[in-house]
């Protein structure tokens, strides 16, 4: 197996198709009466990944490219409107494929997790903030890592040091990181049920006696830098290099997968596009892991 986008697409299509055969309820709902889609759900998921990896932020431009360069992989390619609507309706399937691929890697069993959140900007003008369909969910927030204010959302990520997304949530920009993390673990209790002694490394914003007790009850040991006035905490030597790892993973999502250039204008649209990028990152790591690549998170082989 080689590391090029055609091989990744083929492997992903087969894996998704097998999933849908074993669990057909994961397919997006459609009426029993009507024309059968010419593009299968497995092909739709594969097409979404192929769009994200080379950095196509415009669906229309990507489909023009696909009609010239991807005919050997897809017998039929939809129009931009049909592709967009189907991708929005396939969010449940995309989440299932993300978890399927993540579990099927050697990184999934890593006993160390990194937790952080990163901005997902949704607009820059006051008029956008007032008139957007995202108003009320998207809000003004502050990114301490880059010393800037923004209007939009936050992507909360739990990942391995190798960059594999383990769990995630998309919230308003002011959502409390601690509450969101506990909600993630509550919604998916199986995530930690079989992981005794899991270590979670986070920044100093993940603090509080009740918060740490809740993590301890779930079998998770929290390591974080000491806040002002606190005594030095265990694991202090790890925080500075791992901070760079976290920022590097965020940069992969933002610079290579264009997380903040998602183009979503509605809640379903933003969700679909963010999931598309998490899926693309997970699929690349999954394929690199199965092909024994030294850097699992590298997208270089798939960005052209």
Protein backbone atom coordinates (compact mmCIF):
# COMPACT_ATOMS: atom_id res chain seq x y z
CA UNK A 1 0.00 0.00 0.00
CA UNK A 2 1.39 3.43 -0.95
CA UNK A 3 0.80 6.89 0.43
CA UNK A 4 -0.95 8.82 -2.30
CA UNK A 5 -4.43 10.29 -2.41
CA UNK A 6 -5.79 7.66 -4.83
CA UNK A 7 -4.75 4.80 -2.55
CA UNK A 8 -6.15 6.59 0.51
CA UNK A 9 -9.42 7.22 -1.33
CA UNK A 10 -9.74 3.57 -2.33
CA UNK A 11 -9.00 2.30 1.19
CA UNK A 12 -11.40 4.79 2.75
CA UNK A 13 -14.17 3.94 0.30
CA UNK A 14 -13.86 0.21 1.02
CA UNK A 15 -13.82 0.78 4.79
CA UNK A 16 -16.87 3.07 4.68
CA UNK A 17 -18.76 0.76 2.34
CA UNK A 18 -18.12 -2.18 4.68
CA UNK A 19 -19.35 -0.09 7.61
CA UNK A 20 -22.60 0.74 5.83
CA UNK A 21 -23.16 -2.90 4.92
CA UNK A 22 -22.73 -3.91 8.58
CA UNK A 23 -24.68 -0.92 9.96
CA UNK A 24 -27.07 0.40 7.28
CA UNK A 25 -28.87 2.56 9.87
CA UNK A 26 -25.86 4.92 9.81
CA UNK A 27 -26.70 6.01 6.26
CA UNK A 28 -28.52 9.36 6.00
CA UNK A 29 -32.28 8.99 5.88
CA UNK A 30 -33.96 9.13 2.51
CA UNK A 31 -37.52 8.25 1.41
CA UNK A 32 -38.15 4.71 0.23
CA UNK A 33 -39.88 6.00 -2.88
CA UNK A 34 -37.77 7.96 -5.33
CA UNK A 35 -34.65 7.81 -7.42
CA UNK A 36 -31.63 6.03 -5.97
CA UNK A 37 -28.66 8.42 -5.61
CA UNK A 38 -26.04 7.88 -8.28
CA UNK A 39 -23.28 8.79 -5.83
CA UNK A 40 -23.25 6.30 -2.94
CA UNK A 41 -22.84 7.38 0.67
CA UNK A 42 -19.41 5.73 0.81
CA UNK A 43 -18.37 7.70 -2.28
CA UNK A 44 -19.73 10.90 -0.70
CA UNK A 45 -17.57 10.43 2.41
CA UNK A 46 -14.53 9.68 0.24
CA UNK A 47 -15.17 12.72 -1.94
CA UNK A 48 -15.39 14.94 1.15
CA UNK A 49 -11.96 13.81 2.32
CA UNK A 50 -10.41 14.28 -1.12
CA UNK A 51 -11.75 17.84 -1.13
CA UNK A 52 -10.30 18.71 2.28
CA UNK A 53 -6.82 17.21 2.00
CA UNK A 54 -5.56 19.31 -0.97
CA UNK A 55 -7.15 22.43 0.53
CA UNK A 56 -10.19 23.09 -1.68
CA UNK A 57 -12.35 25.48 0.35
CA UNK A 58 -14.78 26.09 -2.53
CA UNK A 59 -17.05 23.14 -3.28
CA UNK A 60 -17.81 24.44 -6.78
CA UNK A 61 -14.12 24.78 -7.61
CA UNK A 62 -13.38 21.35 -6.19
CA UNK A 63 -16.10 19.69 -8.27
CA UNK A 64 -14.75 21.36 -11.42
CA UNK A 65 -11.33 19.94 -10.52
CA UNK A 66 -12.86 16.52 -9.80
CA UNK A 67 -14.57 16.32 -13.18
CA UNK A 68 -11.19 16.68 -14.86
CA UNK A 69 -8.91 14.76 -12.48
CA UNK A 70 -11.02 12.28 -10.50
CA UNK A 71 -13.13 10.53 -13.13
CA UNK A 72 -11.06 7.37 -12.64
CA UNK A 73 -12.32 7.19 -9.04
CA UNK A 74 -15.95 8.34 -9.37
CA UNK A 75 -18.32 7.30 -12.15
CA UNK A 76 -20.68 10.13 -11.24
CA UNK A 77 -20.07 13.53 -9.66
CA UNK A 78 -22.97 15.65 -8.37
CA UNK A 79 -23.56 19.35 -8.80
CA UNK A 80 -22.46 21.74 -6.09
CA UNK A 81 -25.93 22.14 -4.58
CA UNK A 82 -26.58 18.40 -4.40
CA UNK A 83 -23.13 17.72 -2.96
CA UNK A 84 -23.59 20.40 -0.31
CA UNK A 85 -27.04 19.17 0.76
CA UNK A 86 -25.96 15.55 1.00
CA UNK A 87 -22.84 16.40 2.96
CA UNK A 88 -24.87 18.35 5.52
CA UNK A 89 -27.28 15.43 5.94
CA UNK A 90 -24.40 12.95 6.34
CA UNK A 91 -22.97 14.43 9.56
CA UNK A 92 -23.98 11.36 11.60
CA UNK A 93 -22.28 9.03 9.14
CA UNK A 94 -19.14 11.19 9.07
CA UNK A 95 -18.90 11.04 12.89
CA UNK A 96 -19.27 7.26 12.77
CA UNK A 97 -16.50 6.96 10.17
CA UNK A 98 -14.20 9.22 12.23
CA UNK A 99 -14.58 6.92 15.23
CA UNK A 100 -14.23 3.77 13.09
CA UNK A 101 -10.95 4.95 11.59
CA UNK A 102 -9.58 6.27 14.88
CA UNK A 103 -10.20 2.97 16.69
CA UNK A 104 -8.48 1.14 13.82
CA UNK A 105 -5.08 2.76 14.55
CA UNK A 106 -2.27 1.97 16.96
CA UNK A 107 -2.60 5.52 18.34
CA UNK A 108 -6.09 4.89 19.74
CA UNK A 109 -4.78 3.01 22.77
CA UNK A 110 -2.31 5.75 23.76
CA UNK A 111 -2.59 6.32 27.52
CA UNK A 112 -1.92 10.06 27.20
CA UNK A 113 -4.42 12.60 25.86
CA UNK A 114 -4.01 16.30 25.11
CA UNK A 115 -6.98 18.63 25.62
CA UNK A 116 -7.36 22.11 24.19
CA UNK A 117 -9.72 24.33 22.22
CA UNK A 118 -9.08 26.44 19.15
CA UNK A 119 -11.08 29.28 17.52
CA UNK A 120 -13.26 28.64 14.48
CA UNK A 121 -13.83 32.11 13.10
CA UNK A 122 -17.19 32.65 11.34
CA UNK A 123 -17.10 36.32 10.37
CA UNK A 124 -15.21 39.58 10.78
CA UNK A 125 -17.68 42.40 10.33
CA UNK A 126 -20.27 43.72 12.74
CA UNK A 127 -22.94 43.29 10.07
CA UNK A 128 -22.10 39.60 9.77
CA UNK A 129 -22.35 39.10 13.52
CA UNK A 130 -25.76 40.77 13.58
CA UNK A 131 -27.33 39.21 10.49
CA UNK A 132 -25.73 35.78 10.26
CA UNK A 133 -27.83 32.65 10.78
CA UNK A 134 -25.08 31.65 13.23
CA UNK A 135 -25.84 34.58 15.57
CA UNK A 136 -26.72 33.27 19.00
CA UNK A 137 -24.48 30.25 18.63
CA UNK A 138 -21.41 32.04 17.31
CA UNK A 139 -20.22 34.82 19.63
CA UNK A 140 -17.26 37.03 20.42
CA UNK A 141 -14.37 35.35 22.19
CA UNK A 142 -10.67 35.76 22.90
CA UNK A 143 -7.80 33.52 21.84
CA UNK A 144 -4.99 33.85 24.39
CA UNK A 145 -2.57 31.77 22.29
CA UNK A 146 -2.64 34.35 19.50
CA UNK A 147 -3.73 37.42 21.53
CA UNK A 148 -6.75 38.20 19.39
CA UNK A 149 -10.50 38.57 19.60
CA UNK A 150 -12.72 36.75 17.12
CA UNK A 151 -16.38 36.14 16.32
CA UNK A 152 -17.30 32.52 15.92
CA UNK A 153 -17.06 29.18 17.66
CA UNK A 154 -14.56 26.99 19.49
CA UNK A 155 -13.52 23.50 18.49
CA UNK A 156 -12.72 21.53 21.64
CA UNK A 157 -10.42 18.59 20.91
CA UNK A 158 -9.15 15.64 22.89
CA UNK A 159 -6.35 13.98 20.93
CA UNK A 160 -3.32 11.78 21.31
CA UNK A 161 0.22 13.24 21.15
CA UNK A 162 0.36 11.85 17.62
CA UNK A 163 -2.52 14.13 16.62
CA UNK A 164 -5.31 11.54 16.40
CA UNK A 165 -8.70 13.09 17.29
CA UNK A 166 -10.25 11.05 20.11
CA UNK A 167 -13.25 13.25 20.93
CA UNK A 168 -14.43 16.73 20.02
CA UNK A 169 -17.19 19.30 20.42
CA UNK A 170 -18.11 22.55 18.69
CA UNK A 171 -19.41 25.32 20.97
CA UNK A 172 -19.82 29.05 21.24
CA UNK A 173 -16.62 31.04 21.65
CA UNK A 174 -17.22 31.70 25.36
CA UNK A 175 -18.10 28.14 26.40
CA UNK A 176 -16.18 26.96 29.46
CA UNK A 177 -13.49 24.48 28.44
CA UNK A 178 -13.85 22.45 31.63
CA UNK A 179 -17.61 22.07 31.34
CA UNK A 180 -17.31 21.14 27.68
CA UNK A 181 -14.69 18.48 28.41
CA UNK A 182 -16.84 16.91 31.12
CA UNK A 183 -19.83 16.98 28.76
CA UNK A 184 -17.77 15.17 26.11
CA UNK A 185 -16.89 12.43 28.59
CA UNK A 186 -20.49 12.22 29.84
CA UNK A 187 -21.95 11.87 26.36
CA UNK A 188 -19.43 9.14 25.47
CA UNK A 189 -18.86 7.13 28.69
CA UNK A 190 -17.36 4.19 26.78
CA UNK A 191 -14.45 6.43 25.85
CA UNK A 192 -12.88 6.07 29.29
CA UNK A 193 -14.60 2.92 30.56
CA UNK A 194 -11.78 0.65 29.39
CA UNK A 195 -8.91 3.10 30.03
CA UNK A 196 -7.85 2.88 33.68
CA UNK A 197 -5.04 5.29 34.49
CA UNK A 198 -5.56 7.57 31.48
CA UNK A 199 -3.50 10.78 31.68
CA UNK A 200 -4.90 14.07 30.38
CA UNK A 201 -2.53 17.00 29.77
CA UNK A 202 -4.13 20.42 29.41
CA UNK A 203 -3.34 24.10 29.92
CA UNK A 204 -3.90 26.09 33.09
CA UNK A 205 -7.51 26.94 32.18
CA UNK A 206 -8.52 23.37 33.02
CA UNK A 207 -8.50 23.90 36.77
CA UNK A 208 -10.74 23.55 39.81
CA UNK A 209 -11.16 21.08 42.65
CA UNK A 210 -14.57 19.82 41.52
CA UNK A 211 -13.34 19.53 37.93
CA UNK A 212 -10.31 17.47 38.92
CA UNK A 213 -12.44 15.28 41.20
CA UNK A 214 -14.83 14.62 38.31
CA UNK A 215 -11.93 13.55 36.10
CA UNK A 216 -10.50 11.38 38.87
CA UNK A 217 -13.88 9.67 39.28
CA UNK A 218 -13.72 8.85 35.57
CA UNK A 219 -10.25 7.34 36.03
CA UNK A 220 -8.36 10.24 34.44
CA UNK A 221 -5.31 11.92 35.97
CA UNK A 222 -5.02 15.61 35.05
CA UNK A 223 -1.64 17.23 34.46
CA UNK A 224 -1.59 20.98 33.92
CA UNK A 225 0.70 23.95 34.60
CA UNK A 226 0.35 25.66 37.95
CA UNK A 227 -1.75 28.79 38.05
CA UNK A 228 -0.54 32.00 39.63
CA UNK A 229 -0.16 31.48 43.38
CA UNK A 230 -0.18 27.67 43.16
CA UNK A 231 2.70 25.41 44.08
CA UNK A 232 4.44 23.65 41.20
CA UNK A 233 2.44 20.67 40.00
CA UNK A 234 3.62 17.24 38.78
CA UNK A 235 4.67 16.97 35.13
CA UNK A 236 5.89 20.55 34.79
CA UNK A 237 8.74 19.49 32.47
CA UNK A 238 6.22 18.12 29.94
CA UNK A 239 4.10 21.20 29.45
CA UNK A 240 6.31 23.43 27.33
CA UNK A 241 7.19 20.85 24.62
CA UNK A 242 3.63 19.48 24.57
CA UNK A 243 2.24 23.01 24.15
CA UNK A 244 4.15 23.10 20.86
CA UNK A 245 2.68 19.73 19.89
CA UNK A 246 -0.85 21.02 20.55
CA UNK A 247 -0.24 24.18 18.54
CA UNK A 248 1.25 22.10 15.74
CA UNK A 249 -1.87 19.92 15.60
CA UNK A 250 -4.07 23.03 15.56
CA UNK A 251 -1.94 24.42 12.76
CA UNK A 252 -2.49 21.26 10.73
CA UNK A 253 -6.24 21.82 10.98
CA UNK A 254 -5.99 25.52 10.24
CA UNK A 255 -3.16 25.95 7.74
CA UNK A 256 -3.38 22.66 5.83
CA UNK A 257 -7.06 21.80 6.22
CA UNK A 258 -8.33 25.42 6.26
CA UNK A 259 -10.46 25.05 9.39
CA UNK A 260 -11.14 28.78 9.64
CA UNK A 261 -11.93 29.08 5.92
CA UNK A 262 -14.79 26.61 6.19
CA UNK A 263 -17.29 28.88 4.42
CA UNK A 264 -20.26 27.71 6.48
CA UNK A 265 -23.13 30.18 6.84
CA UNK A 266 -25.63 28.03 8.74
CA UNK A 267 -25.31 25.73 11.74
CA UNK A 268 -25.61 22.49 9.69
CA UNK A 269 -23.18 23.91 7.14
CA UNK A 270 -20.50 24.77 9.71
CA UNK A 271 -20.91 21.43 11.47
CA UNK A 272 -20.56 19.52 8.19
CA UNK A 273 -17.43 21.41 7.17
CA UNK A 274 -15.72 21.09 10.56
CA UNK A 275 -16.49 17.36 10.63
CA UNK A 276 -15.14 17.10 7.09
CA UNK A 277 -11.76 18.43 8.23
CA UNK A 278 -11.60 16.23 11.33
CA UNK A 279 -12.43 13.26 9.11
CA UNK A 280 -9.69 14.20 6.63
CA UNK A 281 -7.09 14.43 9.42
CA UNK A 282 -8.23 11.13 10.94
CA UNK A 283 -8.25 9.38 7.56
CA UNK A 284 -4.70 10.55 6.79
CA UNK A 285 -3.44 9.37 10.19
CA UNK A 286 -5.28 6.06 9.75
CA UNK A 287 -3.74 5.48 6.32
CA UNK A 288 -0.26 6.56 7.45
CA UNK A 289 -0.53 4.20 10.40
CA UNK A 290 -1.50 1.26 8.20
CA UNK A 291 1.34 2.02 5.79
CA UNK A 292 3.91 2.36 8.60
CA UNK A 293 4.79 5.98 7.89
CA UNK A 294 7.19 7.56 10.43
CA UNK A 295 5.05 10.70 10.91
CA UNK A 296 1.41 9.68 11.30
CA UNK A 297 0.02 13.22 11.07
CA UNK A 298 1.79 14.19 7.86
CA UNK A 299 -0.53 15.28 5.03
CA UNK A 300 2.23 15.95 2.51
CA UNK A 301 1.52 12.87 0.40
CA UNK A 302 -2.13 13.85 0.00
CA UNK A 303 -2.09 17.62 -0.54
CA UNK A 304 -1.52 17.58 -4.29
